[in-house]
Amino acid sequence: MRITTLKIAASVLFVAAALAMAPMASADSVTFNLSSNNLGISGSVGMVTIADNGTNSVLVTITMNPAYSVKLDGKDTIAFNGSLSGLTLSGAGTISTDFGSGSGFDKLMLGQKIATGVGPAVTFAFDYFNADGLPHGVTSADTVSFVLTAPGLDADDFGQVAVHFCALPGSNCSRTTGFATGTPGVATVPEPGTLGLLGTGLLSLGALVRRRFLS
């Protein structure tokens, strides 16, 4: 009876360790540092975070650094490249900003060229622009967020972003605008350190139980 119990315990521990140490299939979120722009501004003007938001859905959050804002009216508000397919205008949800919310984007362009800094203009596969339904007078915002939904969509599908930005903070920017871009800087996978420690501990315990069983 004791031998059977030890044998079962060893098997359970090894299975649990393998599961704990298995690599995650995808990132929970990816952060883009907007460190390149066509206005000659050095350093980053902001960050874009794309986080998994349930099945086939991601939450896009743009957070501009002090002195800058997102240009919301006009062309090329935010554009994406990556392993993407199936993005549509109707798949972009309500736009939320620190100055109020709107109904969504007015247009989606495919294969749009955007000048984002050093070198030739970059062609972006999906380009959302002209945020609609915002409070009167709101043409820019310091923070912007919205949900994108498409079949099979998750955060690690995104490889590059571009943002139309203003060289002024606040809700009413009309002059001195440019385009900033970034590639993935930080990919967050849930609890990698904890899972690694758990797996190592379980493997050690399993080996100890197995040695006792064999002896």
C-alpha atoms as a PDB file:
ATOM      1  CA  MET A   1       0.000   0.000   0.000  1.00  0.00           C
ATOM      2  CA  ARG A   2       2.828   2.393   0.958  1.00  0.00           C
ATOM      3  CA  ILE A   3       4.720   1.623  -2.261  1.00  0.00           C
ATOM      4  CA  THR A   4       1.637   2.302  -4.396  1.00  0.00           C
ATOM      5  CA  THR A   5       1.055   5.641  -2.623  1.00  0.00           C
ATOM      6  CA  LEU A   6       4.658   6.749  -3.172  1.00  0.00           C
ATOM      7  CA  LYS A   7       4.468   5.756  -6.842  1.00  0.00           C
ATOM      8  CA  ILE A   8       1.310   7.810  -7.388  1.00  0.00           C
ATOM      9  CA  ALA A   9       2.781  10.792  -5.527  1.00  0.00           C
ATOM     10  CA  ALA A  10       5.924  10.734  -7.662  1.00  0.00           C
ATOM     11  CA  SER A  11       3.902  10.651 -10.884  1.00  0.00           C
ATOM     12  CA  VAL A  12       1.689  13.549  -9.783  1.00  0.00           C
ATOM     13  CA  LEU A  13       4.677  15.685  -8.789  1.00  0.00           C
ATOM     14  CA  PHE A  14       6.479  15.180 -12.090  1.00  0.00           C
ATOM     15  CA  VAL A  15       3.367  16.024 -14.117  1.00  0.00           C
ATOM     16  CA  ALA A  16       2.755  19.180 -12.034  1.00  0.00           C
ATOM     17  CA  ALA A  17       6.393  20.236 -12.474  1.00  0.00           C
ATOM     18  CA  ALA A  18       6.230  19.797 -16.229  1.00  0.00           C
ATOM     19  CA  LEU A  19       3.075  21.875 -16.448  1.00  0.00           C
ATOM     20  CA  ALA A  20       4.506  24.614 -14.245  1.00  0.00           C
ATOM     21  CA  MET A  21       7.696  24.927 -16.309  1.00  0.00           C
ATOM     22  CA  ALA A  22       6.043  24.749 -19.741  1.00  0.00           C
ATOM     23  CA  PRO A  23       6.521  27.985 -21.733  1.00  0.00           C
ATOM     24  CA  MET A  24       3.541  30.291 -22.137  1.00  0.00           C
ATOM     25  CA  ALA A  25       2.006  30.325 -25.621  1.00  0.00           C
ATOM     26  CA  SER A  26       1.706  34.106 -25.851  1.00  0.00           C
ATOM     27  CA  ALA A  27       2.318  37.337 -24.004  1.00  0.00           C
ATOM     28  CA  ASP A  28      -0.367  38.922 -21.856  1.00  0.00           C
ATOM     29  CA  SER A  29       0.703  42.379 -23.052  1.00  0.00           C
ATOM     30  CA  VAL A  30       3.259  44.113 -25.253  1.00  0.00           C
ATOM     31  CA  THR A  31       4.563  47.653 -24.732  1.00  0.00           C
ATOM     32  CA  PHE A  32       5.839  49.919 -27.519  1.00  0.00           C
ATOM     33  CA  ASN A  33       8.119  52.841 -26.696  1.00  0.00           C
ATOM     34  CA  LEU A  34       7.427  55.706 -29.132  1.00  0.00           C
ATOM     35  CA  SER A  35      11.094  56.563 -29.502  1.00  0.00           C
ATOM     36  CA  SER A  36      11.269  57.521 -33.192  1.00  0.00           C
ATOM     37  CA  ASN A  37       9.454  60.489 -34.742  1.00  0.00           C
ATOM     38  CA  ASN A  38       9.571  62.789 -37.761  1.00  0.00           C
ATOM     39  CA  LEU A  39       9.837  66.055 -35.763  1.00  0.00           C
ATOM     40  CA  GLY A  40      13.417  65.464 -34.659  1.00  0.00           C
ATOM     41  CA  ILE A  41      12.443  65.183 -30.970  1.00  0.00           C
ATOM     42  CA  SER A  42      14.970  63.098 -29.041  1.00  0.00           C
ATOM     43  CA  GLY A  43      13.809  60.423 -26.642  1.00  0.00           C
ATOM     44  CA  SER A  44      10.373  58.926 -26.194  1.00  0.00           C
ATOM     45  CA  VAL A  45       7.144  60.886 -26.621  1.00  0.00           C
ATOM     46  CA  GLY A  46       4.939  58.163 -25.124  1.00  0.00           C
ATOM     47  CA  MET A  47       4.050  54.505 -24.805  1.00  0.00           C
ATOM     48  CA  VAL A  48       1.507  52.167 -26.397  1.00  0.00           C
ATOM     49  CA  THR A  49       0.439  49.067 -24.467  1.00  0.00           C
ATOM     50  CA  ILE A  50      -1.544  46.294 -26.144  1.00  0.00           C
ATOM     51  CA  ALA A  51      -2.982  43.787 -23.673  1.00  0.00           C
ATOM     52  CA  ASP A  52      -5.058  40.639 -24.142  1.00  0.00           C
ATOM     53  CA  ASN A  53      -8.664  41.431 -23.290  1.00  0.00           C
ATOM     54  CA  GLY A  54     -10.333  38.059 -23.575  1.00  0.00           C
ATOM     55  CA  THR A  55     -10.820  35.779 -26.572  1.00  0.00           C
ATOM     56  CA  ASN A  56     -10.145  37.509 -29.940  1.00  0.00           C
ATOM     57  CA  SER A  57      -9.781  40.901 -28.236  1.00  0.00           C
ATOM     58  CA  VAL A  58      -7.053  43.316 -27.117  1.00  0.00           C
ATOM     59  CA  LEU A  59      -7.078  46.605 -25.213  1.00  0.00           C
ATOM     60  CA  VAL A  60      -4.955  49.354 -26.785  1.00  0.00           C
ATOM     61  CA  THR A  61      -3.785  52.103 -24.407  1.00  0.00           C
ATOM     62  CA  ILE A  62      -1.751  55.127 -25.524  1.00  0.00           C
ATOM     63  CA  THR A  63      -0.085  57.116 -22.744  1.00  0.00           C
ATOM     64  CA  MET A  64       1.799  60.214 -23.863  1.00  0.00           C
ATOM     65  CA  ASN A  65       4.696  61.679 -21.912  1.00  0.00           C
ATOM     66  CA  PRO A  66       4.336  65.203 -20.450  1.00  0.00           C
ATOM     67  CA  ALA A  67       4.296  67.919 -23.168  1.00  0.00           C
ATOM     68  CA  TYR A  68       2.737  65.612 -25.778  1.00  0.00           C
ATOM     69  CA  SER A  69      -0.743  64.373 -26.714  1.00  0.00           C
ATOM     70  CA  VAL A  70      -2.444  62.108 -29.272  1.00  0.00           C
ATOM     71  CA  LYS A  71      -3.877  63.897 -32.308  1.00  0.00           C
ATOM     72  CA  LEU A  72      -7.438  62.581 -32.607  1.00  0.00           C
ATOM     73  CA  ASP A  73      -8.948  64.396 -35.570  1.00  0.00           C
ATOM     74  CA  GLY A  74      -7.650  64.048 -39.128  1.00  0.00           C
ATOM     75  CA  LYS A  75      -5.655  61.269 -40.750  1.00  0.00           C
ATOM     76  CA  ASP A  76      -3.505  58.547 -39.197  1.00  0.00           C
ATOM     77  CA  THR A  77      -4.467  58.523 -35.511  1.00  0.00           C
ATOM     78  CA  ILE A  78      -2.920  55.085 -34.855  1.00  0.00           C
ATOM     79  CA  ALA A  79      -1.602  52.416 -37.209  1.00  0.00           C
ATOM     80  CA  PHE A  80      -0.453  48.819 -36.790  1.00  0.00           C
ATOM     81  CA  ASN A  81       1.805  46.238 -38.398  1.00  0.00           C
ATOM     82  CA  GLY A  82       2.444  42.638 -37.425  1.00  0.00           C
ATOM     83  CA  SER A  83       0.999  39.170 -37.863  1.00  0.00           C
ATOM     84  CA  LEU A  84      -2.429  40.711 -38.227  1.00  0.00           C
ATOM     85  CA  SER A  85      -5.467  39.847 -40.297  1.00  0.00           C
ATOM     86  CA  GLY A  86      -9.147  40.554 -40.069  1.00  0.00           C
ATOM     87  CA  LEU A  87      -8.981  43.967 -38.404  1.00  0.00           C
ATOM     88  CA  THR A  88     -12.019  46.040 -39.395  1.00  0.00           C
ATOM     89  CA  LEU A  89     -13.464  49.450 -38.658  1.00  0.00           C
ATOM     90  CA  SER A  90     -16.402  47.919 -36.795  1.00  0.00           C
ATOM     91  CA  GLY A  91     -13.950  45.872 -34.717  1.00  0.00           C
ATOM     92  CA  ALA A  92     -12.619  49.024 -33.056  1.00  0.00           C
ATOM     93  CA  GLY A  93     -14.601  49.864 -29.928  1.00  0.00           C
ATOM     94  CA  THR A  94     -15.506  53.082 -28.139  1.00  0.00           C
ATOM     95  CA  ILE A  95     -12.619  55.524 -27.686  1.00  0.00           C
ATOM     96  CA  SER A  96     -11.947  56.650 -24.117  1.00  0.00           C
ATOM     97  CA  THR A  97      -9.722  59.625 -23.314  1.00  0.00           C
ATOM     98  CA  ASP A  98      -8.896  61.709 -20.253  1.00  0.00           C
ATOM     99  CA  PHE A  99     -11.173  64.411 -21.715  1.00  0.00           C
ATOM    100  CA  GLY A 100     -14.224  62.257 -22.475  1.00  0.00           C
ATOM    101  CA  SER A 101     -15.324  59.340 -24.642  1.00  0.00           C
ATOM    102  CA  GLY A 102     -16.442  59.044 -28.252  1.00  0.00           C
ATOM    103  CA  SER A 103     -18.168  56.583 -30.516  1.00  0.00           C
ATOM    104  CA  GLY A 104     -15.083  55.277 -32.318  1.00  0.00           C
ATOM    105  CA  PHE A 105     -12.948  55.834 -35.402  1.00  0.00           C
ATOM    106  CA  ASP A 106     -14.412  57.237 -38.587  1.00  0.00           C
ATOM    107  CA  LYS A 107     -12.161  55.475 -41.100  1.00  0.00           C
ATOM    108  CA  LEU A 108      -9.762  52.574 -41.568  1.00  0.00           C
ATOM    109  CA  MET A 109      -7.129  52.701 -44.307  1.00  0.00           C
ATOM    110  CA  LEU A 110      -5.170  49.656 -45.509  1.00  0.00           C
ATOM    111  CA  GLY A 111      -1.557  49.919 -46.659  1.00  0.00           C
ATOM    112  CA  GLN A 112      -1.116  53.561 -45.649  1.00  0.00           C
ATOM    113  CA  LYS A 113       2.389  55.117 -45.821  1.00  0.00           C
ATOM    114  CA  ILE A 114       3.438  57.143 -42.767  1.00  0.00           C
ATOM    115  CA  ALA A 115       6.639  59.162 -42.306  1.00  0.00           C
ATOM    116  CA  THR A 116       7.796  58.197 -38.827  1.00  0.00           C
ATOM    117  CA  GLY A 117      11.388  59.447 -38.633  1.00  0.00           C
ATOM    118  CA  VAL A 118      14.706  58.426 -40.128  1.00  0.00           C
ATOM    119  CA  GLY A 119      14.461  56.731 -43.505  1.00  0.00           C
ATOM    120  CA  PRO A 120      11.591  56.394 -45.985  1.00  0.00           C
ATOM    121  CA  ALA A 121       7.938  56.320 -45.036  1.00  0.00           C
ATOM    122  CA  VAL A 122       6.711  53.039 -43.547  1.00  0.00           C
ATOM    123  CA  THR A 123       3.682  51.247 -44.964  1.00  0.00           C
ATOM    124  CA  PHE A 124       1.253  50.219 -42.215  1.00  0.00           C
ATOM    125  CA  ALA A 125      -1.236  47.442 -42.870  1.00  0.00           C
ATOM    126  CA  PHE A 126      -4.031  48.939 -40.706  1.00  0.00           C
ATOM    127  CA  ASP A 127      -4.459  52.666 -40.072  1.00  0.00           C
ATOM    128  CA  TYR A 128      -7.326  53.978 -37.908  1.00  0.00           C
ATOM    129  CA  PHE A 129      -8.041  57.694 -37.962  1.00  0.00           C
ATOM    130  CA  ASN A 130     -10.439  60.541 -37.266  1.00  0.00           C
ATOM    131  CA  ALA A 131     -11.778  59.710 -33.803  1.00  0.00           C
ATOM    132  CA  ASP A 132     -15.501  60.488 -33.822  1.00  0.00           C
ATOM    133  CA  GLY A 133     -18.103  61.538 -31.248  1.00  0.00           C
ATOM    134  CA  LEU A 134     -15.766  63.210 -28.740  1.00  0.00           C
ATOM    135  CA  PRO A 135     -16.890  66.220 -26.666  1.00  0.00           C
ATOM    136  CA  HIS A 136     -16.908  69.548 -28.503  1.00  0.00           C
ATOM    137  CA  GLY A 137     -13.438  71.038 -28.798  1.00  0.00           C
ATOM    138  CA  VAL A 138     -11.550  67.842 -27.996  1.00  0.00           C
ATOM    139  CA  THR A 139      -9.049  67.313 -30.810  1.00  0.00           C
ATOM    140  CA  SER A 140      -6.274  65.632 -28.784  1.00  0.00           C
ATOM    141  CA  ALA A 141      -5.773  63.750 -25.526  1.00  0.00           C
ATOM    142  CA  ASP A 142      -2.959  62.757 -23.196  1.00  0.00           C
ATOM    143  CA  THR A 143      -4.281  59.197 -22.801  1.00  0.00           C
ATOM    144  CA  VAL A 144      -6.383  57.186 -25.239  1.00  0.00           C
ATOM    145  CA  SER A 145      -7.741  53.651 -25.017  1.00  0.00           C
ATOM    146  CA  PHE A 146      -9.993  51.391 -27.083  1.00  0.00           C
ATOM    147  CA  VAL A 147     -10.624  47.704 -27.727  1.00  0.00           C
ATOM    148  CA  LEU A 148      -9.858  45.895 -30.983  1.00  0.00           C
ATOM    149  CA  THR A 149     -11.666  42.659 -31.822  1.00  0.00           C
ATOM    150  CA  ALA A 150     -10.873  40.211 -34.632  1.00  0.00           C
ATOM    151  CA  PRO A 151     -10.744  36.410 -35.078  1.00  0.00           C
ATOM    152  CA  GLY A 152      -7.721  34.946 -33.305  1.00  0.00           C
ATOM    153  CA  LEU A 153      -6.391  38.362 -32.221  1.00  0.00           C
ATOM    154  CA  ASP A 154      -3.988  38.614 -29.288  1.00  0.00           C
ATOM    155  CA  ALA A 155      -1.285  40.973 -28.040  1.00  0.00           C
ATOM    156  CA  ASP A 156       1.748  39.266 -29.533  1.00  0.00           C
ATOM    157  CA  ASP A 157       0.332  39.637 -33.063  1.00  0.00           C
ATOM    158  CA  PHE A 158       1.399  43.299 -33.020  1.00  0.00           C
ATOM    159  CA  GLY A 159       4.903  44.104 -34.243  1.00  0.00           C
ATOM    160  CA  GLN A 160       4.891  47.870 -34.844  1.00  0.00           C
ATOM    161  CA  VAL A 161       2.696  50.890 -34.095  1.00  0.00           C
ATOM    162  CA  ALA A 162       2.555  54.502 -35.239  1.00  0.00           C
ATOM    163  CA  VAL A 163       0.788  57.380 -33.484  1.00  0.00           C
ATOM    164  CA  HIS A 164      -0.157  60.840 -34.771  1.00  0.00           C
ATOM    165  CA  PHE A 165       0.925  63.113 -31.927  1.00  0.00           C
ATOM    166  CA  CYS A 166       0.977  66.780 -30.943  1.00  0.00           C
ATOM    167  CA  ALA A 167       3.979  68.599 -29.487  1.00  0.00           C
ATOM    168  CA  LEU A 168       1.618  70.039 -26.861  1.00  0.00           C
ATOM    169  CA  PRO A 169      -0.415  68.390 -24.089  1.00  0.00           C
ATOM    170  CA  GLY A 170      -4.148  68.809 -23.559  1.00  0.00           C
ATOM    171  CA  SER A 171      -7.394  68.530 -25.478  1.00  0.00           C
ATOM    172  CA  ASN A 172      -7.110  71.210 -28.166  1.00  0.00           C
ATOM    173  CA  CYS A 173      -3.955  70.690 -30.182  1.00  0.00           C
ATOM    174  CA  SER A 174      -4.035  71.962 -33.763  1.00  0.00           C
ATOM    175  CA  ARG A 175      -0.422  72.797 -34.662  1.00  0.00           C
ATOM    176  CA  THR A 176       3.025  71.184 -34.549  1.00  0.00           C
ATOM    177  CA  THR A 177       2.038  67.589 -35.080  1.00  0.00           C
ATOM    178  CA  GLY A 178       4.062  64.622 -36.191  1.00  0.00           C
ATOM    179  CA  PHE A 179       4.224  60.848 -36.245  1.00  0.00           C
ATOM    180  CA  ALA A 180       5.973  58.589 -33.750  1.00  0.00           C
ATOM    181  CA  THR A 181       6.593  54.882 -33.959  1.00  0.00           C
ATOM    182  CA  GLY A 182       7.895  52.036 -31.850  1.00  0.00           C
ATOM    183  CA  THR A 183       8.634  48.335 -31.911  1.00  0.00           C
ATOM    184  CA  PRO A 184       7.943  45.942 -29.011  1.00  0.00           C
ATOM    185  CA  GLY A 185       9.993  46.792 -25.942  1.00  0.00           C
ATOM    186  CA  VAL A 186       8.486  44.714 -23.142  1.00  0.00           C
ATOM    187  CA  ALA A 187       6.463  41.513 -23.399  1.00  0.00           C
ATOM    188  CA  THR A 188       4.773  40.521 -20.150  1.00  0.00           C
ATOM    189  CA  VAL A 189       4.068  36.841 -19.523  1.00  0.00           C
ATOM    190  CA  PRO A 190       2.153  36.095 -16.293  1.00  0.00           C
ATOM    191  CA  GLU A 191       4.278  34.953 -13.346  1.00  0.00           C
ATOM    192  CA  PRO A 192       7.328  33.568 -15.206  1.00  0.00           C
ATOM    193  CA  GLY A 193       9.567  33.713 -12.123  1.00  0.00           C
ATOM    194  CA  THR A 194       7.005  32.111  -9.851  1.00  0.00           C
ATOM    195  CA  LEU A 195       6.252  29.339 -12.320  1.00  0.00           C
ATOM    196  CA  GLY A 196       9.951  28.601 -12.752  1.00  0.00           C
ATOM    197  CA  LEU A 197      10.536  28.375  -9.009  1.00  0.00           C
ATOM    198  CA  LEU A 198       7.453  26.220  -8.559  1.00  0.00           C
ATOM    199  CA  GLY A 199       8.552  23.860 -11.302  1.00  0.00           C
ATOM    200  CA  THR A 200      12.077  23.549  -9.885  1.00  0.00           C
ATOM    201  CA  GLY A 201      10.726  22.855  -6.406  1.00  0.00           C
ATOM    202  CA  LEU A 202       8.287  20.247  -7.660  1.00  0.00           C
ATOM    203  CA  LEU A 203      10.984  18.500  -9.672  1.00  0.00           C
ATOM    204  CA  SER A 204      13.262  18.348  -6.610  1.00  0.00           C
ATOM    205  CA  LEU A 205      10.476  17.003  -4.420  1.00  0.00           C
ATOM    206  CA  GLY A 206       9.496  14.476  -7.055  1.00  0.00           C
ATOM    207  CA  ALA A 207      13.092  13.247  -7.332  1.00  0.00           C
ATOM    208  CA  LEU A 208      13.290  12.842  -3.552  1.00  0.00           C
ATOM    209  CA  VAL A 209      10.057  10.818  -3.441  1.00  0.00           C
ATOM    210  CA  ARG A 210      11.269   8.680  -6.341  1.00  0.00           C
ATOM    211  CA  ARG A 211      14.584   7.929  -4.639  1.00  0.00           C
ATOM    212  CA  ARG A 212      12.782   6.867  -1.464  1.00  0.00           C
ATOM    213  CA  PHE A 213      10.478   4.658  -3.496  1.00  0.00           C
ATOM    214  CA  LEU A 214      13.366   2.950  -5.320  1.00  0.00           C
ATOM    215  CA  SER A 215      15.295   2.428  -2.105  1.00  0.00           C
END
